[in-house]
C-alpha atoms as a PDB file:
ATOM      1  CA  MET A   1      87.184  91.269  94.115  1.00  0.00           C
ATOM      2  CA  LYS A   2      84.427  91.558  91.897  1.00  0.00           C
ATOM      3  CA  LEU A   3      80.869  91.173  93.825  1.00  0.00           C
ATOM      4  CA  PRO A   4      79.209  88.002  92.734  1.00  0.00           C
ATOM      5  CA  GLY A   5      75.495  88.539  91.979  1.00  0.00           C
ATOM      6  CA  PRO A   6      73.101  85.856  93.851  1.00  0.00           C
ATOM      7  CA  VAL A   7      73.763  84.578  97.396  1.00  0.00           C
ATOM      8  CA  PRO A   8      74.164  81.274  96.516  1.00  0.00           C
ATOM      9  CA  ALA A   9      77.247  82.528  93.952  1.00  0.00           C
ATOM     10  CA  LEU A  10      78.268  84.935  96.940  1.00  0.00           C
ATOM     11  CA  ILE A  11      78.367  81.314  99.314  1.00  0.00           C
ATOM     12  CA  ALA A  12      80.695  79.331  96.590  1.00  0.00           C
ATOM     13  CA  ALA A  13      83.008  82.430  96.528  1.00  0.00           C
ATOM     14  CA  ALA A  14      83.100  82.611 100.322  1.00  0.00           C
ATOM     15  CA  VAL A  15      83.595  78.976 100.564  1.00  0.00           C
ATOM     16  CA  VAL A  16      86.439  79.245  97.643  1.00  0.00           C
ATOM     17  CA  LEU A  17      88.233  82.005  99.770  1.00  0.00           C
ATOM     18  CA  GLN A  18      88.248  80.214 102.847  1.00  0.00           C
ATOM     19  CA  ALA A  19      89.843  77.243 100.872  1.00  0.00           C
ATOM     20  CA  CYS A  20      92.582  79.591  99.596  1.00  0.00           C
ATOM     21  CA  GLY A  21      92.647  82.196 101.784  1.00  0.00           C
ATOM     22  CA  ARG A  22      96.223  83.488 103.469  1.00  0.00           C
ATOM     23  CA  ALA A  23      97.147  85.491 106.310  1.00  0.00           C
ATOM     24  CA  ALA A  24      97.005  89.510 105.013  1.00  0.00           C
ATOM     25  CA  PRO A  25     100.642  90.886 105.486  1.00  0.00           C
ATOM     26  CA  ARG A  26     101.205  93.091 108.376  1.00  0.00           C
ATOM     27  CA  SER A  27     101.979  96.365 106.082  1.00  0.00           C
ATOM     28  CA  GLU A  28     104.162  98.976 107.567  1.00  0.00           C
ATOM     29  CA  ALA A  29     101.676 101.213 108.998  1.00  0.00           C
ATOM     30  CA  GLY A  30      99.468  98.190 110.266  1.00  0.00           C
ATOM     31  CA  ALA A  31     102.571  96.593 111.719  1.00  0.00           C
ATOM     32  CA  ALA A  32     102.983  99.767 113.493  1.00  0.00           C
ATOM     33  CA  ALA A  33      99.548 100.830 114.255  1.00  0.00           C
ATOM     34  CA  GLY A  34      97.187  98.173 113.755  1.00  0.00           C
ATOM     35  CA  TYR A  35      99.155  95.433 115.387  1.00  0.00           C
ATOM     36  CA  ALA A  36     101.501  97.455 118.211  1.00  0.00           C
ATOM     37  CA  PRO A  37      99.754  97.887 121.653  1.00  0.00           C
ATOM     38  CA  ALA A  38      97.154 100.698 121.626  1.00  0.00           C
ATOM     39  CA  ALA A  39      98.294 104.103 123.275  1.00  0.00           C
ATOM     40  CA  GLY A  40      98.092 103.987 126.869  1.00  0.00           C
ATOM     41  CA  VAL A  41      98.537 100.076 126.959  1.00  0.00           C
ATOM     42  CA  ALA A  42     100.990  98.596 129.639  1.00  0.00           C
ATOM     43  CA  SER A  43     103.563  96.467 128.120  1.00  0.00           C
ATOM     44  CA  ASP A  44     104.117  94.806 131.474  1.00  0.00           C
ATOM     45  CA  ALA A  45     102.285  91.659 131.413  1.00  0.00           C
ATOM     46  CA  ALA A  46     101.973  91.714 135.198  1.00  0.00           C
ATOM     47  CA  ALA A  47     100.753  95.635 134.454  1.00  0.00           C
ATOM     48  CA  PRO A  48      96.457  95.755 134.108  1.00  0.00           C
ATOM     49  CA  LEU A  49      95.710  96.139 130.670  1.00  0.00           C
ATOM     50  CA  GLU A  50      93.567  99.130 129.463  1.00  0.00           C
ATOM     51  CA  ALA A  51      90.882  97.290 126.683  1.00  0.00           C
ATOM     52  CA  ALA A  52      91.783  98.712 122.899  1.00  0.00           C
ATOM     53  CA  PRO A  53      89.235 100.988 121.102  1.00  0.00           C
ATOM     54  CA  VAL A  54      86.258  98.407 119.890  1.00  0.00           C
ATOM     55  CA  ALA A  55      84.431  99.396 116.874  1.00  0.00           C
ATOM     56  CA  THR A  56      80.836  99.533 116.759  1.00  0.00           C
ATOM     57  CA  VAL A  57      78.728  97.272 114.610  1.00  0.00           C
ATOM     58  CA  SER A  58      75.160  97.734 113.617  1.00  0.00           C
ATOM     59  CA  PHE A  59      73.042  96.074 111.038  1.00  0.00           C
ATOM     60  CA  GLY A  60      70.960  98.475 108.551  1.00  0.00           C
ATOM     61  CA  ASP A  61      69.750  98.682 105.323  1.00  0.00           C
ATOM     62  CA  MET A  62      70.349 101.885 102.720  1.00  0.00           C
ATOM     63  CA  ASP A  63      68.330 104.448 104.972  1.00  0.00           C
ATOM     64  CA  ARG A  64      70.349 103.350 108.163  1.00  0.00           C
ATOM     65  CA  VAL A  65      73.718 103.922 105.715  1.00  0.00           C
ATOM     66  CA  ARG A  66      72.510 107.618 104.548  1.00  0.00           C
ATOM     67  CA  ALA A  67      71.125 108.624 107.855  1.00  0.00           C
ATOM     68  CA  ASP A  68      74.651 107.794 109.203  1.00  0.00           C
ATOM     69  CA  LEU A  69      76.619 109.759 106.879  1.00  0.00           C
ATOM     70  CA  ALA A  70      74.270 112.754 107.366  1.00  0.00           C
ATOM     71  CA  ALA A  71      74.814 112.595 110.819  1.00  0.00           C
ATOM     72  CA  LEU A  72      78.897 112.787 110.299  1.00  0.00           C
ATOM     73  CA  LYS A  73      78.478 116.117 107.976  1.00  0.00           C
ATOM     74  CA  GLY A  74      80.623 119.182 108.762  1.00  0.00           C
ATOM     75  CA  LYS A  75      83.818 116.681 108.674  1.00  0.00           C
ATOM     76  CA  PRO A  76      85.326 115.042 105.953  1.00  0.00           C
ATOM     77  CA  VAL A  77      84.333 111.153 105.693  1.00  0.00           C
ATOM     78  CA  PHE A  78      85.864 108.368 104.662  1.00  0.00           C
ATOM     79  CA  LEU A  79      83.165 105.665 103.673  1.00  0.00           C
ATOM     80  CA  ASN A  80      84.898 101.994 102.992  1.00  0.00           C
ATOM     81  CA  PHE A  81      82.660  99.232 101.603  1.00  0.00           C
ATOM     82  CA  TRP A  82      84.156  95.751 102.145  1.00  0.00           C
ATOM     83  CA  ALA A  83      83.273  92.210 103.671  1.00  0.00           C
ATOM     84  CA  THR A  84      85.331  89.535 105.559  1.00  0.00           C
ATOM     85  CA  TRP A  85      85.380  87.390 102.355  1.00  0.00           C
ATOM     86  CA  CYS A  86      87.084  89.530 100.089  1.00  0.00           C
ATOM     87  CA  ALA A  87      90.829  89.314 100.516  1.00  0.00           C
ATOM     88  CA  PRO A  88      92.129  92.380  99.477  1.00  0.00           C
ATOM     89  CA  CYS A  89      89.375  94.094 101.690  1.00  0.00           C
ATOM     90  CA  MET A  90      90.940  92.021 105.036  1.00  0.00           C
ATOM     91  CA  GLU A  91      94.721  93.088 103.607  1.00  0.00           C
ATOM     92  CA  GLU A  92      93.357  96.908 103.864  1.00  0.00           C
ATOM     93  CA  LEU A  93      91.929  97.245 106.980  1.00  0.00           C
ATOM     94  CA  PRO A  94      94.751  97.415 108.895  1.00  0.00           C
ATOM     95  CA  ASP A  95      96.185 100.600 107.233  1.00  0.00           C
ATOM     96  CA  LEU A  96      92.512 102.049 106.985  1.00  0.00           C
ATOM     97  CA  ALA A  97      92.768 101.437 110.887  1.00  0.00           C
ATOM     98  CA  ALA A  98      96.232 102.985 111.113  1.00  0.00           C
ATOM     99  CA  LEU A  99      95.059 106.358 108.635  1.00  0.00           C
ATOM    100  CA  ALA A 100      91.618 106.490 111.306  1.00  0.00           C
ATOM    101  CA  ARG A 101      93.469 106.982 114.556  1.00  0.00           C
ATOM    102  CA  GLU A 102      96.055 109.257 112.521  1.00  0.00           C
ATOM    103  CA  ALA A 103      93.315 111.373 111.205  1.00  0.00           C
ATOM    104  CA  GLY A 104      90.289 110.907 112.683  1.00  0.00           C
ATOM    105  CA  GLY A 105      88.488 112.735 115.630  1.00  0.00           C
ATOM    106  CA  GLU A 106      87.675 116.072 114.890  1.00  0.00           C
ATOM    107  CA  ASN A 107      89.252 116.229 111.757  1.00  0.00           C
ATOM    108  CA  MET A 108      88.165 113.555 110.428  1.00  0.00           C
ATOM    109  CA  ALA A 109      85.357 110.780 110.482  1.00  0.00           C
ATOM    110  CA  PHE A 110      85.617 106.838 109.156  1.00  0.00           C
ATOM    111  CA  LEU A 111      82.642 104.785 108.497  1.00  0.00           C
ATOM    112  CA  GLY A 112      82.810 101.142 106.839  1.00  0.00           C
ATOM    113  CA  ILE A 113      79.933  99.395 104.821  1.00  0.00           C
ATOM    114  CA  SER A 114      80.204  95.601 105.485  1.00  0.00           C
ATOM    115  CA  LEU A 115      78.478  93.426 102.983  1.00  0.00           C
ATOM    116  CA  ASP A 116      78.721  89.796 104.936  1.00  0.00           C
ATOM    117  CA  SER A 117      74.998  89.758 105.452  1.00  0.00           C
ATOM    118  CA  TRP A 118      74.806  88.928 101.760  1.00  0.00           C
ATOM    119  CA  VAL A 119      76.321  85.529 102.330  1.00  0.00           C
ATOM    120  CA  THR A 120      75.475  84.880 106.329  1.00  0.00           C
ATOM    121  CA  GLY A 121      72.316  86.701 106.588  1.00  0.00           C
ATOM    122  CA  GLU A 122      71.861  88.875 109.320  1.00  0.00           C
ATOM    123  CA  GLY A 123      72.277  87.131 112.382  1.00  0.00           C
ATOM    124  CA  THR A 124      74.583  86.362 115.171  1.00  0.00           C
ATOM    125  CA  GLU A 125      77.109  84.583 112.994  1.00  0.00           C
ATOM    126  CA  THR A 126      77.813  87.501 110.899  1.00  0.00           C
ATOM    127  CA  GLY A 127      78.187  89.974 113.567  1.00  0.00           C
ATOM    128  CA  ASP A 128      80.480  88.023 115.257  1.00  0.00           C
ATOM    129  CA  LYS A 129      82.637  87.696 111.959  1.00  0.00           C
ATOM    130  CA  VAL A 130      82.668  91.440 110.980  1.00  0.00           C
ATOM    131  CA  ARG A 131      83.515  92.033 115.054  1.00  0.00           C
ATOM    132  CA  LYS A 132      86.309  89.348 114.872  1.00  0.00           C
ATOM    133  CA  ALA A 133      87.959  91.045 111.579  1.00  0.00           C
ATOM    134  CA  LEU A 134      87.667  94.429 112.836  1.00  0.00           C
ATOM    135  CA  ALA A 135      89.352  93.633 116.263  1.00  0.00           C
ATOM    136  CA  SER A 136      92.560  91.657 114.483  1.00  0.00           C
ATOM    137  CA  ALA A 137      92.984  94.834 111.959  1.00  0.00           C
ATOM    138  CA  GLY A 138      92.199  96.963 114.862  1.00  0.00           C
ATOM    139  CA  VAL A 139      89.682  99.069 113.278  1.00  0.00           C
ATOM    140  CA  SER A 140      87.952 101.548 115.948  1.00  0.00           C
ATOM    141  CA  TYR A 141      85.684 103.261 113.564  1.00  0.00           C
ATOM    142  CA  PRO A 142      81.653 102.198 113.003  1.00  0.00           C
ATOM    143  CA  ASN A 143      80.600  99.917 110.656  1.00  0.00           C
ATOM    144  CA  VAL A 144      77.421  99.306 109.377  1.00  0.00           C
ATOM    145  CA  VAL A 145      76.610  95.395 108.059  1.00  0.00           C
ATOM    146  CA  TYR A 146      74.317  96.219 104.953  1.00  0.00           C
ATOM    147  CA  THR A 147      71.057  94.377 104.904  1.00  0.00           C
ATOM    148  CA  GLY A 148      69.593  95.593 101.590  1.00  0.00           C
ATOM    149  CA  ASP A 149      69.367  94.976  97.996  1.00  0.00           C
ATOM    150  CA  GLN A 150      72.439  95.160  95.625  1.00  0.00           C
ATOM    151  CA  ASP A 151      70.702  97.057  93.370  1.00  0.00           C
ATOM    152  CA  PRO A 152      70.224 100.352  95.861  1.00  0.00           C
ATOM    153  CA  LEU A 153      73.278 100.382  96.915  1.00  0.00           C
ATOM    154  CA  LEU A 154      75.276 100.145  93.564  1.00  0.00           C
ATOM    155  CA  GLU A 155      73.243 102.571  92.359  1.00  0.00           C
ATOM    156  CA  GLY A 156      73.102 104.921  95.041  1.00  0.00           C
ATOM    157  CA  PHE A 157      76.891 105.194  95.383  1.00  0.00           C
ATOM    158  CA  ARG A 158      77.565 104.437  92.004  1.00  0.00           C
ATOM    159  CA  LEU A 159      79.688 101.748  92.956  1.00  0.00           C
ATOM    160  CA  PRO A 160      81.652  99.504  89.956  1.00  0.00           C
ATOM    161  CA  GLY A 161      80.272  95.951  91.655  1.00  0.00           C
ATOM    162  CA  SER A 162      84.101  95.399  93.117  1.00  0.00           C
ATOM    163  CA  ILE A 163      85.028  95.709  96.744  1.00  0.00           C
ATOM    164  CA  PRO A 164      87.076  96.882  98.153  1.00  0.00           C
ATOM    165  CA  TYR A 165      85.813 100.393  97.215  1.00  0.00           C
ATOM    166  CA  SER A 166      85.896 103.687  99.601  1.00  0.00           C
ATOM    167  CA  ILE A 167      84.696 107.343  98.796  1.00  0.00           C
ATOM    168  CA  LEU A 168      86.076 110.572 100.093  1.00  0.00           C
ATOM    169  CA  TYR A 169      83.744 113.190 100.911  1.00  0.00           C
ATOM    170  CA  ASP A 170      84.319 116.622 101.838  1.00  0.00           C
ATOM    171  CA  PRO A 171      82.496 118.341 105.120  1.00  0.00           C
ATOM    172  CA  GLU A 172      79.586 119.404 102.817  1.00  0.00           C
ATOM    173  CA  GLY A 173      78.723 115.531 101.856  1.00  0.00           C
ATOM    174  CA  ARG A 174      80.444 116.416  98.882  1.00  0.00           C
ATOM    175  CA  ASP A 175      81.957 113.140  96.593  1.00  0.00           C
ATOM    176  CA  VAL A 176      85.607 114.421  96.069  1.00  0.00           C
ATOM    177  CA  ALA A 177      88.025 111.289  95.581  1.00  0.00           C
ATOM    178  CA  ARG A 178      87.344 107.428  94.789  1.00  0.00           C
ATOM    179  CA  PHE A 179      89.652 104.628  95.331  1.00  0.00           C
ATOM    180  CA  ASP A 180      88.395 101.366  93.446  1.00  0.00           C
ATOM    181  CA  GLY A 181      90.275  98.434  95.010  1.00  0.00           C
ATOM    182  CA  GLN A 182      93.080  97.822  97.876  1.00  0.00           C
ATOM    183  CA  THR A 183      94.259 101.360  98.303  1.00  0.00           C
ATOM    184  CA  SER A 184      97.096 102.591 100.343  1.00  0.00           C
ATOM    185  CA  ILE A 185      97.471 104.664 103.103  1.00  0.00           C
ATOM    186  CA  GLU A 186      99.706 107.545 101.032  1.00  0.00           C
ATOM    187  CA  GLU A 187      97.271 107.389  98.618  1.00  0.00           C
ATOM    188  CA  VAL A 188      94.310 108.093 100.970  1.00  0.00           C
ATOM    189  CA  ARG A 189      96.786 110.899 102.370  1.00  0.00           C
ATOM    190  CA  ARG A 190      97.704 112.280  99.255  1.00  0.00           C
ATOM    191  CA  ALA A 191      93.803 112.887  98.303  1.00  0.00           C
ATOM    192  CA  MET A 192      92.921 114.105 102.096  1.00  0.00           C
ATOM    193  CA  ALA A 193      95.835 116.986 101.178  1.00  0.00           C
ATOM    194  CA  GLN A 194      94.939 117.599  97.468  1.00  0.00           C
ATOM    195  CA  HIS A 195      91.661 118.567  98.674  1.00  0.00           C
ATOM    196  CA  ALA A 196      92.515 120.569 101.810  1.00  0.00           C
ATOM    197  CA  ARG A 197      94.733 122.814  99.450  1.00  0.00           C
ATOM    198  CA  LYS A 198      92.090 123.092  97.253  1.00  0.00           C
ATOM    199  CA  LYS A 199      89.660 124.177 100.093  1.00  0.00           C
ATOM    200  CA  GLU A 200      92.599 127.051 101.085  1.00  0.00           C
ATOM    201  CA  GLY A 201      92.795 128.387  97.831  1.00  0.00           C
ATOM    202  CA  ALA A 202      89.144 128.488  97.399  1.00  0.00           C
ATOM    203  CA  PRO A 203      87.324 132.152  97.643  1.00  0.00           C
ATOM    204  CA  ARG A 204      85.466 133.101 100.487  1.00  0.00           C
ATOM    205  CA  PRO A 205      82.093 133.453  99.664  1.00  0.00           C
ATOM    206  CA  GLN A 206      80.741 137.255  99.846  1.00  0.00           C
ATOM    207  CA  ASP A 207      79.202 138.718 102.864  1.00  0.00           C
ATOM    208  CA  PRO A 208      75.420 139.183 101.724  1.00  0.00           C
ATOM    209  CA  SER A 209      75.489 142.217 103.996  1.00  0.00           C
ATOM    210  CA  ALA A 210      78.611 143.922 101.580  1.00  0.00           C
ATOM    211  CA  SER A 211      76.750 143.433  98.329  1.00  0.00           C
ATOM    212  CA  HIS A 212      75.423 146.471  96.765  1.00  0.00           C
END
């Protein structure tokens, strides 16, 4: 979905999407992991239920986004740009949630960047809307609601001006794969596996102490 320019256009787009929106389909991965009870949750209605992991949602500008990415250096990072008013983004979220549970933890980190503040501002309404969308999709990884201007974000991350859009970084923070538009969990798996093979096949750095 193309990012509208001025804020009035964003609001108009949001109204259209709300009027014409449809429920996001439950993909195979999403149905298996995004909508099923979380591990450890009892299926017996009479038994006490454990709370499912909840994604942390914060507000921040480019400095905050870059700081969060820097804190994740040392492991691969999947960065996803999305918004609740973007139908393809909402359809994609359950798959990303499933992949994060599958490949997360010590192996890989996930970070979402919501662009909802460009429509509904930086108040409680926006935070509640983003949290509700993430909870519905089963997302447990952290998200930042971006509060800065469009140009620094588009230029800083070389975005094409449409969402959803995702970037895969290696543990050193290098951009190794990009996903323009709604992607599938298999596409991301293949990119991760391809990067892992390249890393395993790379020559080991020479030990300076062994040089002549």
